Amino acid sequence: MAQHPFSEMPRWQQIGTLVLAPVELILTATAAVDLARRPAAQIRGPKALWWLGILVQPLGPVAYLKWARRR
């Protein structure tokens, strides 16, 4: 698939990108900060595996925030 400059994208794609990209960045940053600060005993599964998991966009950060943290 050929890549096109942002200015050549349809208007709906431009708007979607401008809205969803910051949401994705915020979710990833929130998950990364939480994972860095949380002790391993409070996380379900290996911490190293969750580091890799949060890099899988956009599902990884959501999965971490929903299922990995023990309350």
N, C-alpha and C. Protein backbone atom coordinates (compact mmCIF):
# COMPACT_ATOMS: atom_id res chain seq x y z
N MET A 1 0.84 -1.17 0.00
CA MET A 1 0.00 0.00 0.00
C MET A 1 0.90 1.24 0.00
N ALA A 2 0.62 2.15 -0.88
CA ALA A 2 1.39 3.38 -0.97
C ALA A 2 0.99 4.35 0.15
N GLN A 3 1.97 5.06 0.65
CA GLN A 3 1.69 6.06 1.68
C GLN A 3 1.57 7.43 1.02
N HIS A 4 0.59 8.20 1.52
CA HIS A 4 0.36 9.53 0.99
C HIS A 4 0.64 10.56 2.07
N PRO A 5 1.07 11.74 1.67
CA PRO A 5 1.26 12.80 2.66
C PRO A 5 -0.06 13.12 3.36
N PHE A 6 0.07 13.63 4.57
CA PHE A 6 -1.12 13.97 5.37
C PHE A 6 -2.07 14.87 4.60
N SER A 7 -1.52 15.82 3.87
CA SER A 7 -2.37 16.78 3.15
C SER A 7 -3.17 16.13 2.03
N GLU A 8 -2.76 14.95 1.56
CA GLU A 8 -3.48 14.26 0.50
C GLU A 8 -4.51 13.28 1.03
N MET A 9 -4.55 13.09 2.33
CA MET A 9 -5.54 12.19 2.93
C MET A 9 -6.92 12.82 2.85
N PRO A 10 -7.97 11.99 2.77
CA PRO A 10 -9.32 12.56 2.84
C PRO A 10 -9.52 13.27 4.18
N ARG A 11 -10.40 14.23 4.18
CA ARG A 11 -10.63 15.06 5.38
C ARG A 11 -10.99 14.21 6.60
N TRP A 12 -11.82 13.18 6.42
CA TRP A 12 -12.23 12.35 7.55
C TRP A 12 -11.04 11.60 8.14
N GLN A 13 -10.07 11.20 7.31
CA GLN A 13 -8.88 10.54 7.82
C GLN A 13 -7.97 11.51 8.58
N GLN A 14 -7.87 12.73 8.08
CA GLN A 14 -7.08 13.74 8.77
C GLN A 14 -7.65 14.00 10.16
N ILE A 15 -8.96 14.18 10.24
CA ILE A 15 -9.61 14.45 11.52
C ILE A 15 -9.45 13.25 12.46
N GLY A 16 -9.67 12.06 11.94
CA GLY A 16 -9.52 10.85 12.75
C GLY A 16 -8.11 10.70 13.30
N THR A 17 -7.13 11.00 12.47
CA THR A 17 -5.74 10.92 12.92
C THR A 17 -5.45 11.95 14.00
N LEU A 18 -5.93 13.17 13.81
CA LEU A 18 -5.69 14.23 14.79
C LEU A 18 -6.41 13.97 16.12
N VAL A 19 -7.50 13.24 16.09
CA VAL A 19 -8.25 12.94 17.31
C VAL A 19 -7.69 11.70 18.00
N LEU A 20 -7.43 10.65 17.24
CA LEU A 20 -7.05 9.36 17.84
C LEU A 20 -5.56 9.26 18.21
N ALA A 21 -4.70 9.94 17.51
CA ALA A 21 -3.27 9.86 17.83
C ALA A 21 -2.96 10.34 19.25
N PRO A 22 -3.49 11.48 19.70
CA PRO A 22 -3.23 11.89 21.08
C PRO A 22 -3.83 10.92 22.11
N VAL A 23 -4.98 10.34 21.80
CA VAL A 23 -5.59 9.38 22.72
C VAL A 23 -4.67 8.17 22.87
N GLU A 24 -4.14 7.69 21.77
CA GLU A 24 -3.23 6.55 21.79
C GLU A 24 -1.95 6.88 22.58
N LEU A 25 -1.43 8.06 22.37
CA LEU A 25 -0.22 8.47 23.11
C LEU A 25 -0.48 8.57 24.61
N ILE A 26 -1.61 9.12 24.98
CA ILE A 26 -1.96 9.26 26.40
C ILE A 26 -2.14 7.88 27.03
N LEU A 27 -2.84 6.98 26.36
CA LEU A 27 -3.02 5.63 26.89
C LEU A 27 -1.68 4.92 27.07
N THR A 28 -0.81 5.02 26.08
CA THR A 28 0.50 4.37 26.15
C THR A 28 1.34 4.97 27.27
N ALA A 29 1.35 6.28 27.39
CA ALA A 29 2.13 6.93 28.45
C ALA A 29 1.59 6.55 29.83
N THR A 30 0.27 6.52 29.98
CA THR A 30 -0.34 6.16 31.26
C THR A 30 0.03 4.73 31.64
N ALA A 31 -0.07 3.82 30.68
CA ALA A 31 0.27 2.42 30.95
C ALA A 31 1.76 2.28 31.29
N ALA A 32 2.63 2.98 30.58
CA ALA A 32 4.07 2.88 30.82
C ALA A 32 4.44 3.43 32.19
N VAL A 33 3.88 4.56 32.57
CA VAL A 33 4.18 5.14 33.89
C VAL A 33 3.67 4.22 34.99
N ASP A 34 2.47 3.69 34.83
CA ASP A 34 1.92 2.79 35.83
C ASP A 34 2.78 1.53 35.95
N LEU A 35 3.17 0.96 34.82
CA LEU A 35 3.99 -0.25 34.83
C LEU A 35 5.35 0.01 35.47
N ALA A 36 5.94 1.15 35.22
CA ALA A 36 7.25 1.47 35.80
C ALA A 36 7.16 1.65 37.32
N ARG A 37 6.08 2.21 37.80
CA ARG A 37 5.95 2.51 39.23
C ARG A 37 5.39 1.36 40.05
N ARG A 38 4.63 0.48 39.43
CA ARG A 38 3.93 -0.59 40.15
C ARG A 38 4.89 -1.75 40.44
N PRO A 39 4.91 -2.24 41.68
CA PRO A 39 5.74 -3.42 41.99
C PRO A 39 5.26 -4.65 41.21
N ALA A 40 6.18 -5.55 40.91
CA ALA A 40 5.86 -6.74 40.13
C ALA A 40 4.79 -7.59 40.81
N ALA A 41 4.73 -7.57 42.13
CA ALA A 41 3.74 -8.36 42.86
C ALA A 41 2.31 -7.87 42.61
N GLN A 42 2.17 -6.66 42.14
CA GLN A 42 0.83 -6.11 41.87
C GLN A 42 0.44 -6.19 40.40
N ILE A 43 1.18 -6.98 39.63
CA ILE A 43 0.90 -7.12 38.21
C ILE A 43 0.67 -8.60 37.89
N ARG A 44 -0.36 -8.87 37.14
CA ARG A 44 -0.63 -10.24 36.70
C ARG A 44 0.29 -10.57 35.52
N GLY A 45 1.14 -11.54 35.69
CA GLY A 45 2.07 -11.94 34.64
C GLY A 45 3.40 -11.24 34.77
N PRO A 46 4.35 -11.62 33.92
CA PRO A 46 5.69 -11.02 33.97
C PRO A 46 5.68 -9.56 33.51
N LYS A 47 6.38 -8.75 34.27
CA LYS A 47 6.45 -7.32 33.96
C LYS A 47 7.08 -7.09 32.57
N ALA A 48 8.12 -7.87 32.25
CA ALA A 48 8.80 -7.71 30.95
C ALA A 48 7.84 -7.97 29.79
N LEU A 49 6.96 -8.93 29.96
CA LEU A 49 6.00 -9.24 28.91
C LEU A 49 5.00 -8.09 28.72
N TRP A 50 4.61 -7.45 29.81
CA TRP A 50 3.70 -6.31 29.71
C TRP A 50 4.39 -5.12 29.05
N TRP A 51 5.70 -4.96 29.25
CA TRP A 51 6.42 -3.88 28.56
C TRP A 51 6.29 -4.07 27.05
N LEU A 52 6.44 -5.31 26.60
CA LEU A 52 6.27 -5.57 25.16
C LEU A 52 4.81 -5.38 24.75
N GLY A 53 3.90 -5.80 25.62
CA GLY A 53 2.48 -5.72 25.31
C GLY A 53 1.97 -4.31 25.11
N ILE A 54 2.47 -3.36 25.91
CA ILE A 54 1.95 -2.01 25.77
C ILE A 54 2.41 -1.33 24.48
N LEU A 55 3.37 -1.95 23.80
CA LEU A 55 3.82 -1.42 22.52
C LEU A 55 2.92 -1.84 21.36
N VAL A 56 2.04 -2.81 21.60
CA VAL A 56 1.11 -3.26 20.57
C VAL A 56 -0.06 -2.28 20.55
N GLN A 57 -0.11 -1.47 19.52
CA GLN A 57 -1.09 -0.40 19.46
C GLN A 57 -2.34 -0.82 18.70
N PRO A 58 -3.49 -0.41 19.07
CA PRO A 58 -3.87 0.35 20.25
C PRO A 58 -4.33 -0.54 21.41
N LEU A 59 -4.28 -1.86 21.23
CA LEU A 59 -4.85 -2.76 22.23
C LEU A 59 -3.96 -3.00 23.45
N GLY A 60 -2.66 -2.94 23.30
CA GLY A 60 -1.74 -3.26 24.40
C GLY A 60 -1.93 -2.40 25.63
N PRO A 61 -1.92 -1.08 25.50
CA PRO A 61 -2.12 -0.24 26.68
C PRO A 61 -3.48 -0.45 27.34
N VAL A 62 -4.51 -0.63 26.53
CA VAL A 62 -5.85 -0.86 27.08
C VAL A 62 -5.88 -2.18 27.83
N ALA A 63 -5.29 -3.22 27.26
CA ALA A 63 -5.25 -4.53 27.92
C ALA A 63 -4.49 -4.44 29.24
N TYR A 64 -3.36 -3.74 29.24
CA TYR A 64 -2.60 -3.59 30.48
C TYR A 64 -3.44 -2.89 31.54
N LEU A 65 -4.02 -1.77 31.20
CA LEU A 65 -4.79 -0.99 32.17
C LEU A 65 -6.02 -1.75 32.67
N LYS A 66 -6.58 -2.60 31.84
CA LYS A 66 -7.79 -3.32 32.23
C LYS A 66 -7.50 -4.62 32.99
N TRP A 67 -6.51 -5.41 32.53
CA TRP A 67 -6.34 -6.76 33.08
C TRP A 67 -5.05 -7.01 33.84
N ALA A 68 -4.00 -6.26 33.62
CA ALA A 68 -2.71 -6.60 34.23
C ALA A 68 -2.59 -6.15 35.67
N ARG A 69 -3.25 -5.08 36.03
CA ARG A 69 -3.05 -4.52 37.37
C ARG A 69 -3.93 -5.22 38.40
N ARG A 70 -3.29 -5.60 39.51
CA ARG A 70 -4.05 -6.13 40.65
C ARG A 70 -4.50 -4.95 41.47
N ARG A 71 -5.67 -5.02 42.00
CA ARG A 71 -6.21 -3.89 42.77
C ARG A 71 -6.01 -4.07 44.24
